[in-house]
Amino acid sequence: AHLVLIALLLLLFGCTKKEDDSHLESNAASELNTQAQAEDSVQSNVDDPYVKSMLELWEAGQKEDAVKEFLAIRWEDPSAYREVPVFAMSDRQWRSLPRSEQLAVTKDSISQLSELRKMLFEVVATGRTLVSSGDAEMAKEHFEAALRFGEGLSRPRWFELVRDLGRAASEYAQKELTGME
């Protein structure tokens, strides 16, 4: 009798847990949709450069073209991040995944963010080179793009690893801009 009661409790707890998880996932999706709709009120143009095309150029070794795309991306526009998996999930959605999937998402995210970090360093290095050659205006454009990048990645809608990179990028770019004054 005790085993039957325990089995029923486990079954009931398991069903309740599953319902709670689906409720969390539903709430997370709803929250992300509401947030995305608010942020999507920013005008976007399908022809604007976006992160995926920039990363494709970068990975193909076309660094100068990738830097040009970096400068042109409207980092405040959520549609700029389309088709890049690291931008497809919030912390809440990540927490709702099984542990093995959390690890896989984290591993993929770290890889993608590493490439974005390298891009940031390239943009800032190009800006420093421009300062050295006397082109302060163009250097400022590079540093301001790096700052917009950081601010764009710092939004609450992104996965925490993304926000961490965003905050670090903002500080890094602000330091460069302050150094120009």
N, C-alpha and C. Protein backbone atom coordinates (compact mmCIF):
# COMPACT_ATOMS: atom_id res chain seq x y z
N ALA A 1 0.82 -1.19 0.00
CA ALA A 1 0.00 0.00 0.00
C ALA A 1 0.87 1.25 0.00
N HIS A 2 1.93 1.18 0.78
CA HIS A 2 2.84 2.33 0.83
C HIS A 2 3.54 2.54 -0.52
N LEU A 3 3.89 1.44 -1.17
CA LEU A 3 4.55 1.56 -2.48
C LEU A 3 3.61 2.16 -3.51
N VAL A 4 2.34 1.78 -3.47
CA VAL A 4 1.36 2.33 -4.39
C VAL A 4 1.18 3.82 -4.14
N LEU A 5 1.10 4.22 -2.86
CA LEU A 5 0.95 5.62 -2.49
C LEU A 5 2.17 6.42 -2.95
N ILE A 6 3.35 5.87 -2.74
CA ILE A 6 4.58 6.55 -3.17
C ILE A 6 4.61 6.68 -4.68
N ALA A 7 4.23 5.60 -5.39
CA ALA A 7 4.20 5.65 -6.85
C ALA A 7 3.21 6.69 -7.34
N LEU A 8 2.03 6.76 -6.71
CA LEU A 8 1.04 7.77 -7.10
C LEU A 8 1.56 9.18 -6.83
N LEU A 9 2.21 9.37 -5.69
CA LEU A 9 2.77 10.69 -5.37
C LEU A 9 3.86 11.08 -6.38
N LEU A 10 4.70 10.11 -6.72
CA LEU A 10 5.74 10.38 -7.71
C LEU A 10 5.14 10.72 -9.07
N LEU A 11 4.11 9.97 -9.45
CA LEU A 11 3.44 10.22 -10.72
C LEU A 11 2.80 11.61 -10.70
N LEU A 12 2.11 11.91 -9.60
CA LEU A 12 1.47 13.22 -9.46
C LEU A 12 2.51 14.32 -9.46
N PHE A 13 3.59 14.14 -8.70
CA PHE A 13 4.65 15.14 -8.65
C PHE A 13 5.28 15.30 -10.03
N GLY A 14 5.52 14.18 -10.70
CA GLY A 14 6.11 14.24 -12.04
C GLY A 14 5.22 15.00 -13.00
N CYS A 15 3.92 14.77 -12.98
CA CYS A 15 2.99 15.48 -13.86
C CYS A 15 2.94 16.95 -13.50
N THR A 16 2.89 17.24 -12.21
CA THR A 16 2.86 18.64 -11.78
C THR A 16 4.13 19.34 -12.21
N LYS A 17 5.26 18.67 -12.03
CA LYS A 17 6.54 19.26 -12.42
C LYS A 17 6.55 19.55 -13.91
N LYS A 18 6.05 18.59 -14.71
CA LYS A 18 6.02 18.78 -16.15
C LYS A 18 5.12 19.95 -16.53
N GLU A 19 3.96 20.05 -15.86
CA GLU A 19 3.06 21.16 -16.10
C GLU A 19 3.73 22.47 -15.73
N ASP A 20 4.44 22.48 -14.57
CA ASP A 20 5.14 23.70 -14.14
C ASP A 20 6.18 24.11 -15.17
N ASP A 21 6.93 23.13 -15.70
CA ASP A 21 7.95 23.42 -16.70
C ASP A 21 7.33 23.98 -17.96
N SER A 22 6.22 23.38 -18.40
CA SER A 22 5.60 23.88 -19.63
C SER A 22 5.06 25.28 -19.39
N HIS A 23 4.57 25.53 -18.18
CA HIS A 23 4.09 26.87 -17.83
C HIS A 23 5.25 27.86 -17.87
N LEU A 24 6.42 27.44 -17.32
CA LEU A 24 7.62 28.30 -17.37
C LEU A 24 8.03 28.58 -18.80
N GLU A 25 8.05 27.52 -19.63
CA GLU A 25 8.43 27.70 -21.02
C GLU A 25 7.46 28.62 -21.74
N SER A 26 6.16 28.43 -21.45
CA SER A 26 5.14 29.28 -22.07
C SER A 26 5.32 30.72 -21.63
N ASN A 27 5.56 30.93 -20.32
CA ASN A 27 5.79 32.29 -19.82
C ASN A 27 7.04 32.89 -20.43
N ALA A 28 8.10 32.10 -20.55
CA ALA A 28 9.35 32.60 -21.13
C ALA A 28 9.13 33.02 -22.57
N ALA A 29 8.43 32.18 -23.33
CA ALA A 29 8.17 32.51 -24.73
C ALA A 29 7.31 33.76 -24.83
N SER A 30 6.30 33.85 -23.98
CA SER A 30 5.41 35.02 -23.99
C SER A 30 6.18 36.28 -23.63
N GLU A 31 7.03 36.17 -22.59
CA GLU A 31 7.84 37.31 -22.15
C GLU A 31 8.78 37.76 -23.27
N LEU A 32 9.42 36.81 -23.92
CA LEU A 32 10.35 37.14 -25.00
C LEU A 32 9.61 37.77 -26.17
N ASN A 33 8.42 37.25 -26.51
CA ASN A 33 7.64 37.83 -27.59
C ASN A 33 7.23 39.26 -27.29
N THR A 34 6.75 39.51 -26.06
CA THR A 34 6.35 40.86 -25.68
C THR A 34 7.52 41.81 -25.76
N GLN A 35 8.66 41.37 -25.23
CA GLN A 35 9.87 42.19 -25.26
C GLN A 35 10.32 42.42 -26.70
N ALA A 36 10.28 41.40 -27.51
CA ALA A 36 10.71 41.52 -28.91
C ALA A 36 9.79 42.48 -29.66
N GLN A 37 8.47 42.40 -29.40
CA GLN A 37 7.55 43.30 -30.09
C GLN A 37 7.84 44.75 -29.72
N ALA A 38 8.13 45.00 -28.46
CA ALA A 38 8.44 46.36 -28.03
C ALA A 38 9.73 46.84 -28.70
N GLU A 39 10.74 45.98 -28.73
CA GLU A 39 12.01 46.38 -29.33
C GLU A 39 11.93 46.43 -30.85
N ASP A 40 11.04 45.62 -31.43
CA ASP A 40 10.91 45.59 -32.88
C ASP A 40 10.22 46.83 -33.43
N SER A 41 9.77 47.70 -32.55
CA SER A 41 9.17 48.94 -33.02
C SER A 41 10.24 49.83 -33.65
N VAL A 42 11.53 49.48 -33.43
CA VAL A 42 12.61 50.18 -34.12
C VAL A 42 12.47 49.88 -35.61
N GLN A 43 12.57 50.89 -36.44
CA GLN A 43 12.46 50.67 -37.89
C GLN A 43 13.55 49.70 -38.33
N SER A 44 13.19 48.72 -39.12
CA SER A 44 14.22 47.82 -39.64
C SER A 44 14.02 47.67 -41.13
N ASN A 45 15.12 47.41 -41.77
CA ASN A 45 15.13 47.26 -43.21
C ASN A 45 15.80 45.93 -43.51
N VAL A 46 15.15 45.06 -44.25
CA VAL A 46 15.68 43.74 -44.54
C VAL A 46 17.04 43.83 -45.25
N ASP A 47 17.29 44.91 -45.97
CA ASP A 47 18.55 45.06 -46.68
C ASP A 47 19.69 45.56 -45.79
N ASP A 48 19.38 45.96 -44.55
CA ASP A 48 20.43 46.41 -43.65
C ASP A 48 21.40 45.26 -43.37
N PRO A 49 22.67 45.58 -43.13
CA PRO A 49 23.62 44.53 -42.75
C PRO A 49 23.19 43.91 -41.41
N TYR A 50 23.51 42.67 -41.23
CA TYR A 50 23.16 42.03 -39.98
C TYR A 50 24.29 41.10 -39.53
N VAL A 51 24.22 40.67 -38.29
CA VAL A 51 25.31 39.96 -37.63
C VAL A 51 25.74 38.71 -38.39
N LYS A 52 24.78 37.92 -38.87
CA LYS A 52 25.15 36.68 -39.55
C LYS A 52 26.00 36.94 -40.79
N SER A 53 25.63 37.92 -41.60
CA SER A 53 26.42 38.20 -42.80
C SER A 53 27.81 38.71 -42.43
N MET A 54 27.89 39.50 -41.36
CA MET A 54 29.19 39.98 -40.90
C MET A 54 30.07 38.81 -40.46
N LEU A 55 29.49 37.90 -39.69
CA LEU A 55 30.26 36.74 -39.22
C LEU A 55 30.69 35.85 -40.38
N GLU A 56 29.85 35.72 -41.39
CA GLU A 56 30.22 34.93 -42.57
C GLU A 56 31.42 35.54 -43.28
N LEU A 57 31.43 36.85 -43.40
CA LEU A 57 32.59 37.54 -44.00
C LEU A 57 33.83 37.31 -43.15
N TRP A 58 33.67 37.45 -41.86
CA TRP A 58 34.79 37.29 -40.92
C TRP A 58 35.38 35.88 -41.04
N GLU A 59 34.51 34.88 -41.01
CA GLU A 59 34.95 33.48 -41.08
C GLU A 59 35.58 33.15 -42.43
N ALA A 60 35.19 33.89 -43.47
CA ALA A 60 35.77 33.67 -44.81
C ALA A 60 37.10 34.42 -44.96
N GLY A 61 37.54 35.09 -43.90
CA GLY A 61 38.82 35.80 -43.95
C GLY A 61 38.73 37.19 -44.57
N GLN A 62 37.54 37.66 -44.81
CA GLN A 62 37.34 38.99 -45.41
C GLN A 62 37.17 40.02 -44.29
N LYS A 63 38.26 40.24 -43.55
CA LYS A 63 38.21 41.06 -42.35
C LYS A 63 37.80 42.51 -42.64
N GLU A 64 38.34 43.10 -43.68
CA GLU A 64 38.00 44.50 -43.98
C GLU A 64 36.51 44.65 -44.28
N ASP A 65 35.97 43.73 -45.06
CA ASP A 65 34.54 43.78 -45.37
C ASP A 65 33.70 43.52 -44.12
N ALA A 66 34.18 42.61 -43.27
CA ALA A 66 33.46 42.32 -42.02
C ALA A 66 33.44 43.56 -41.12
N VAL A 67 34.56 44.27 -41.05
CA VAL A 67 34.63 45.50 -40.24
C VAL A 67 33.68 46.55 -40.81
N LYS A 68 33.61 46.67 -42.12
CA LYS A 68 32.67 47.62 -42.74
C LYS A 68 31.23 47.27 -42.36
N GLU A 69 30.91 45.97 -42.38
CA GLU A 69 29.57 45.53 -41.97
C GLU A 69 29.33 45.87 -40.50
N PHE A 70 30.35 45.62 -39.66
CA PHE A 70 30.23 45.92 -38.23
C PHE A 70 29.85 47.38 -38.03
N LEU A 71 30.52 48.27 -38.79
CA LEU A 71 30.25 49.70 -38.67
C LEU A 71 28.83 50.05 -39.14
N ALA A 72 28.32 49.31 -40.09
CA ALA A 72 27.02 49.63 -40.69
C ALA A 72 25.83 48.99 -39.96
N ILE A 73 26.10 47.98 -39.14
CA ILE A 73 24.99 47.30 -38.46
C ILE A 73 24.32 48.25 -37.48
N ARG A 74 23.00 48.21 -37.51
CA ARG A 74 22.21 48.98 -36.54
C ARG A 74 22.01 48.08 -35.32
N TRP A 75 22.95 48.15 -34.39
CA TRP A 75 22.98 47.25 -33.25
C TRP A 75 21.76 47.38 -32.35
N GLU A 76 21.06 48.51 -32.44
CA GLU A 76 19.85 48.69 -31.62
C GLU A 76 18.64 47.98 -32.23
N ASP A 77 18.76 47.52 -33.45
CA ASP A 77 17.65 46.88 -34.17
C ASP A 77 17.69 45.37 -33.94
N PRO A 78 16.70 44.82 -33.23
CA PRO A 78 16.69 43.38 -32.95
C PRO A 78 16.75 42.50 -34.20
N SER A 79 16.28 42.99 -35.34
CA SER A 79 16.33 42.16 -36.54
C SER A 79 17.75 41.98 -37.06
N ALA A 80 18.68 42.80 -36.60
CA ALA A 80 20.08 42.65 -37.02
C ALA A 80 20.68 41.33 -36.54
N TYR A 81 20.07 40.73 -35.53
CA TYR A 81 20.62 39.53 -34.91
C TYR A 81 20.00 38.24 -35.44
N ARG A 82 19.17 38.36 -36.46
CA ARG A 82 18.45 37.18 -36.96
C ARG A 82 19.43 36.09 -37.42
N GLU A 83 18.99 34.90 -37.23
CA GLU A 83 19.69 33.69 -37.70
C GLU A 83 21.03 33.41 -37.01
N VAL A 84 21.29 34.04 -35.87
CA VAL A 84 22.49 33.71 -35.10
C VAL A 84 22.00 33.04 -33.82
N PRO A 85 22.27 31.74 -33.66
CA PRO A 85 21.68 30.97 -32.56
C PRO A 85 21.88 31.56 -31.16
N VAL A 86 23.02 32.18 -30.89
CA VAL A 86 23.25 32.70 -29.54
C VAL A 86 22.23 33.78 -29.17
N PHE A 87 21.60 34.40 -30.17
CA PHE A 87 20.61 35.43 -29.90
C PHE A 87 19.18 34.89 -29.90
N ALA A 88 19.03 33.59 -29.96
CA ALA A 88 17.70 33.00 -30.05
C ALA A 88 17.12 32.57 -28.70
N MET A 89 17.86 32.80 -27.61
CA MET A 89 17.41 32.27 -26.33
C MET A 89 17.63 33.26 -25.19
N SER A 90 16.67 33.27 -24.28
CA SER A 90 16.79 34.07 -23.07
C SER A 90 17.32 33.17 -21.94
N ASP A 91 17.71 33.77 -20.83
CA ASP A 91 18.14 32.99 -19.67
C ASP A 91 17.04 32.05 -19.19
N ARG A 92 15.83 32.55 -19.18
CA ARG A 92 14.70 31.75 -18.71
C ARG A 92 14.50 30.52 -19.60
N GLN A 93 14.61 30.71 -20.90
CA GLN A 93 14.48 29.57 -21.81
C GLN A 93 15.63 28.59 -21.59
N TRP A 94 16.84 29.10 -21.38
CA TRP A 94 18.00 28.25 -21.15
C TRP A 94 17.80 27.43 -19.89
N ARG A 95 17.31 28.06 -18.81
CA ARG A 95 17.10 27.35 -17.55
C ARG A 95 16.05 26.25 -17.68
N SER A 96 15.14 26.39 -18.63
CA SER A 96 14.09 25.38 -18.79
C SER A 96 14.58 24.14 -19.55
N LEU A 97 15.78 24.21 -20.11
CA LEU A 97 16.33 23.07 -20.86
C LEU A 97 16.90 22.02 -19.92
N PRO A 98 16.94 20.76 -20.37
CA PRO A 98 17.64 19.72 -19.61
C PRO A 98 19.14 20.08 -19.53
N ARG A 99 19.80 19.62 -18.50
CA ARG A 99 21.20 19.97 -18.24
C ARG A 99 22.10 19.72 -19.46
N SER A 100 21.92 18.60 -20.14
CA SER A 100 22.77 18.29 -21.30
C SER A 100 22.58 19.32 -22.41
N GLU A 101 21.34 19.77 -22.62
CA GLU A 101 21.09 20.79 -23.64
C GLU A 101 21.63 22.15 -23.20
N GLN A 102 21.57 22.44 -21.90
CA GLN A 102 22.14 23.68 -21.38
C GLN A 102 23.64 23.74 -21.70
N LEU A 103 24.32 22.62 -21.49
CA LEU A 103 25.75 22.57 -21.76
C LEU A 103 26.04 22.76 -23.24
N ALA A 104 25.24 22.14 -24.11
CA ALA A 104 25.44 22.27 -25.56
C ALA A 104 25.20 23.70 -26.01
N VAL A 105 24.13 24.33 -25.50
CA VAL A 105 23.83 25.72 -25.87
C VAL A 105 24.95 26.64 -25.38
N THR A 106 25.41 26.41 -24.16
CA THR A 106 26.49 27.24 -23.61
C THR A 106 27.76 27.10 -24.44
N LYS A 107 28.09 25.88 -24.83
CA LYS A 107 29.29 25.64 -25.64
C LYS A 107 29.19 26.37 -26.98
N ASP A 108 28.04 26.25 -27.66
CA ASP A 108 27.84 26.93 -28.94
C ASP A 108 27.87 28.44 -28.77
N SER A 109 27.26 28.91 -27.69
CA SER A 109 27.21 30.36 -27.44
C SER A 109 28.60 30.92 -27.21
N ILE A 110 29.40 30.21 -26.45
CA ILE A 110 30.77 30.67 -26.18
C ILE A 110 31.56 30.75 -27.48
N SER A 111 31.37 29.79 -28.37
CA SER A 111 32.06 29.80 -29.66
C SER A 111 31.64 31.01 -30.49
N GLN A 112 30.34 31.27 -30.58
CA GLN A 112 29.85 32.40 -31.38
C GLN A 112 30.29 33.73 -30.76
N LEU A 113 30.22 33.82 -29.43
CA LEU A 113 30.61 35.06 -28.77
C LEU A 113 32.11 35.31 -28.89
N SER A 114 32.88 34.25 -28.96
CA SER A 114 34.31 34.39 -29.16
C SER A 114 34.60 35.06 -30.50
N GLU A 115 33.86 34.67 -31.53
CA GLU A 115 34.04 35.31 -32.85
C GLU A 115 33.61 36.78 -32.81
N LEU A 116 32.52 37.06 -32.12
CA LEU A 116 32.08 38.46 -32.00
C LEU A 116 33.10 39.29 -31.22
N ARG A 117 33.68 38.69 -30.21
CA ARG A 117 34.72 39.37 -29.43
C ARG A 117 35.94 39.68 -30.31
N LYS A 118 36.34 38.72 -31.13
CA LYS A 118 37.46 38.95 -32.05
C LYS A 118 37.14 40.10 -33.01
N MET A 119 35.88 40.13 -33.48
CA MET A 119 35.46 41.23 -34.37
C MET A 119 35.58 42.56 -33.65
N LEU A 120 35.11 42.61 -32.41
CA LEU A 120 35.20 43.84 -31.61
C LEU A 120 36.65 44.30 -31.52
N PHE A 121 37.55 43.39 -31.21
CA PHE A 121 38.97 43.75 -31.09
C PHE A 121 39.51 44.28 -32.42
N GLU A 122 39.09 43.68 -33.51
CA GLU A 122 39.54 44.14 -34.84
C GLU A 122 39.04 45.55 -35.11
N VAL A 123 37.78 45.82 -34.77
CA VAL A 123 37.21 47.15 -35.00
C VAL A 123 37.95 48.18 -34.16
N VAL A 124 38.21 47.87 -32.91
CA VAL A 124 38.92 48.81 -32.04
C VAL A 124 40.38 48.97 -32.50
N ALA A 125 41.03 47.88 -32.90
CA ALA A 125 42.40 47.98 -33.39
C ALA A 125 42.47 48.85 -34.64
N THR A 126 41.49 48.70 -35.52
CA THR A 126 41.42 49.54 -36.72
C THR A 126 41.25 51.00 -36.32
N GLY A 127 40.40 51.24 -35.32
CA GLY A 127 40.21 52.59 -34.81
C GLY A 127 41.50 53.18 -34.26
N ARG A 128 42.25 52.39 -33.53
CA ARG A 128 43.54 52.86 -32.98
C ARG A 128 44.52 53.18 -34.10
N THR A 129 44.53 52.34 -35.13
CA THR A 129 45.40 52.60 -36.28
C THR A 129 45.01 53.93 -36.94
N LEU A 130 43.73 54.17 -37.04
CA LEU A 130 43.25 55.42 -37.63
C LEU A 130 43.63 56.63 -36.78
N VAL A 131 43.59 56.48 -35.46
CA VAL A 131 44.04 57.56 -34.57
C VAL A 131 45.51 57.86 -34.84
N SER A 132 46.32 56.80 -34.91
CA SER A 132 47.77 56.96 -35.16
C SER A 132 48.06 57.63 -36.49
N SER A 133 47.22 57.36 -37.48
CA SER A 133 47.46 57.95 -38.81
C SER A 133 46.83 59.34 -38.94
N GLY A 134 46.18 59.80 -37.85
CA GLY A 134 45.62 61.15 -37.88
C GLY A 134 44.18 61.26 -38.33
N ASP A 135 43.51 60.14 -38.57
CA ASP A 135 42.11 60.19 -39.01
C ASP A 135 41.19 59.98 -37.80
N ALA A 136 41.14 61.01 -36.95
CA ALA A 136 40.37 60.92 -35.71
C ALA A 136 38.88 60.72 -35.96
N GLU A 137 38.36 61.33 -37.00
CA GLU A 137 36.92 61.23 -37.27
C GLU A 137 36.53 59.78 -37.60
N MET A 138 37.30 59.13 -38.45
CA MET A 138 37.02 57.74 -38.81
C MET A 138 37.28 56.81 -37.62
N ALA A 139 38.30 57.12 -36.82
CA ALA A 139 38.58 56.33 -35.62
C ALA A 139 37.39 56.41 -34.67
N LYS A 140 36.86 57.62 -34.51
CA LYS A 140 35.71 57.82 -33.63
C LYS A 140 34.52 56.98 -34.12
N GLU A 141 34.34 56.90 -35.42
CA GLU A 141 33.26 56.09 -35.99
C GLU A 141 33.42 54.62 -35.58
N HIS A 142 34.65 54.12 -35.58
CA HIS A 142 34.92 52.74 -35.17
C HIS A 142 34.61 52.54 -33.69
N PHE A 143 35.08 53.46 -32.86
CA PHE A 143 34.85 53.34 -31.42
C PHE A 143 33.37 53.47 -31.07
N GLU A 144 32.66 54.35 -31.77
CA GLU A 144 31.23 54.51 -31.53
C GLU A 144 30.46 53.26 -31.97
N ALA A 145 30.89 52.64 -33.06
CA ALA A 145 30.26 51.38 -33.49
C ALA A 145 30.48 50.30 -32.44
N ALA A 146 31.68 50.27 -31.86
CA ALA A 146 31.97 49.30 -30.80
C ALA A 146 31.09 49.57 -29.58
N LEU A 147 30.86 50.83 -29.28
CA LEU A 147 29.99 51.19 -28.16
C LEU A 147 28.54 50.78 -28.45
N ARG A 148 28.05 51.04 -29.66
CA ARG A 148 26.69 50.63 -30.03
C ARG A 148 26.54 49.11 -29.97
N PHE A 149 27.58 48.41 -30.41
CA PHE A 149 27.62 46.95 -30.33
C PHE A 149 27.43 46.51 -28.88
N GLY A 150 28.21 47.10 -27.98
CA GLY A 150 28.12 46.75 -26.56
C GLY A 150 26.75 47.05 -25.98
N GLU A 151 26.21 48.20 -26.33
CA GLU A 151 24.88 48.56 -25.84
C GLU A 151 23.82 47.63 -26.40
N GLY A 152 23.96 47.25 -27.66
CA GLY A 152 23.00 46.34 -28.28
C GLY A 152 23.00 44.97 -27.63
N LEU A 153 24.18 44.52 -27.23
CA LEU A 153 24.28 43.20 -26.61
C LEU A 153 23.96 43.21 -25.12
N SER A 154 23.85 44.37 -24.53
CA SER A 154 23.59 44.48 -23.09
C SER A 154 22.11 44.39 -22.73
N ARG A 155 21.24 44.28 -23.70
CA ARG A 155 19.80 44.26 -23.44
C ARG A 155 19.37 43.03 -22.64
N PRO A 156 18.35 43.18 -21.81
CA PRO A 156 17.88 42.06 -20.99
C PRO A 156 17.32 40.90 -21.81
N ARG A 157 16.97 41.10 -23.06
CA ARG A 157 16.37 40.02 -23.84
C ARG A 157 17.37 38.91 -24.16
N TRP A 158 18.65 39.19 -24.09
CA TRP A 158 19.66 38.21 -24.48
C TRP A 158 20.06 37.30 -23.32
N PHE A 159 20.69 36.23 -23.71
CA PHE A 159 21.31 35.25 -22.83
C PHE A 159 22.40 35.96 -22.02
N GLU A 160 22.62 35.55 -20.77
CA GLU A 160 23.56 36.28 -19.90
C GLU A 160 24.97 36.38 -20.49
N LEU A 161 25.43 35.35 -21.16
CA LEU A 161 26.77 35.42 -21.77
C LEU A 161 26.85 36.55 -22.79
N VAL A 162 25.77 36.78 -23.51
CA VAL A 162 25.71 37.86 -24.50
C VAL A 162 25.78 39.20 -23.77
N ARG A 163 24.99 39.33 -22.72
CA ARG A 163 24.97 40.59 -21.96
C ARG A 163 26.33 40.89 -21.35
N ASP A 164 27.03 39.84 -20.88
CA ASP A 164 28.37 40.04 -20.32
C ASP A 164 29.31 40.62 -21.37
N LEU A 165 29.27 40.07 -22.57
CA LEU A 165 30.10 40.60 -23.65
C LEU A 165 29.70 42.04 -23.96
N GLY A 166 28.41 42.31 -23.96
CA GLY A 166 27.92 43.65 -24.24
C GLY A 166 28.44 44.67 -23.24
N ARG A 167 28.36 44.32 -21.97
CA ARG A 167 28.84 45.24 -20.93
C ARG A 167 30.35 45.48 -21.06
N ALA A 168 31.10 44.42 -21.29
CA ALA A 168 32.55 44.55 -21.44
C ALA A 168 32.89 45.38 -22.68
N ALA A 169 32.17 45.15 -23.77
CA ALA A 169 32.42 45.90 -25.00
C ALA A 169 32.11 47.38 -24.81
N SER A 170 31.03 47.68 -24.10
CA SER A 170 30.67 49.08 -23.85
C SER A 170 31.77 49.79 -23.06
N GLU A 171 32.27 49.14 -22.02
CA GLU A 171 33.34 49.73 -21.22
C GLU A 171 34.61 49.91 -22.06
N TYR A 172 34.93 48.93 -22.84
CA TYR A 172 36.12 48.95 -23.70
C TYR A 172 36.04 50.10 -24.71
N ALA A 173 34.90 50.22 -25.36
CA ALA A 173 34.72 51.27 -26.36
C ALA A 173 34.69 52.65 -25.71
N GLN A 174 34.04 52.75 -24.57
CA GLN A 174 33.97 54.04 -23.88
C GLN A 174 35.36 54.50 -23.47
N LYS A 175 36.20 53.59 -23.06
CA LYS A 175 37.59 53.90 -22.69
C LYS A 175 38.33 54.47 -23.90
N GLU A 176 38.12 53.88 -25.08
CA GLU A 176 38.78 54.36 -26.29
C GLU A 176 38.27 55.75 -26.67
N LEU A 177 36.96 55.94 -26.56
CA LEU A 177 36.39 57.26 -26.89
C LEU A 177 36.89 58.32 -25.91
N THR A 178 36.94 57.97 -24.65
CA THR A 178 37.43 58.92 -23.63
C THR A 178 38.90 59.25 -23.88
N GLY A 179 39.67 58.27 -24.31
CA GLY A 179 41.09 58.49 -24.61
C GLY A 179 41.31 59.42 -25.78
N MET A 180 40.31 59.58 -26.64
CA MET A 180 40.46 60.47 -27.80
C MET A 180 40.27 61.94 -27.40
N GLU A 181 39.62 62.18 -26.28
CA GLU A 181 39.29 63.56 -25.89
C GLU A 181 40.49 64.32 -25.38
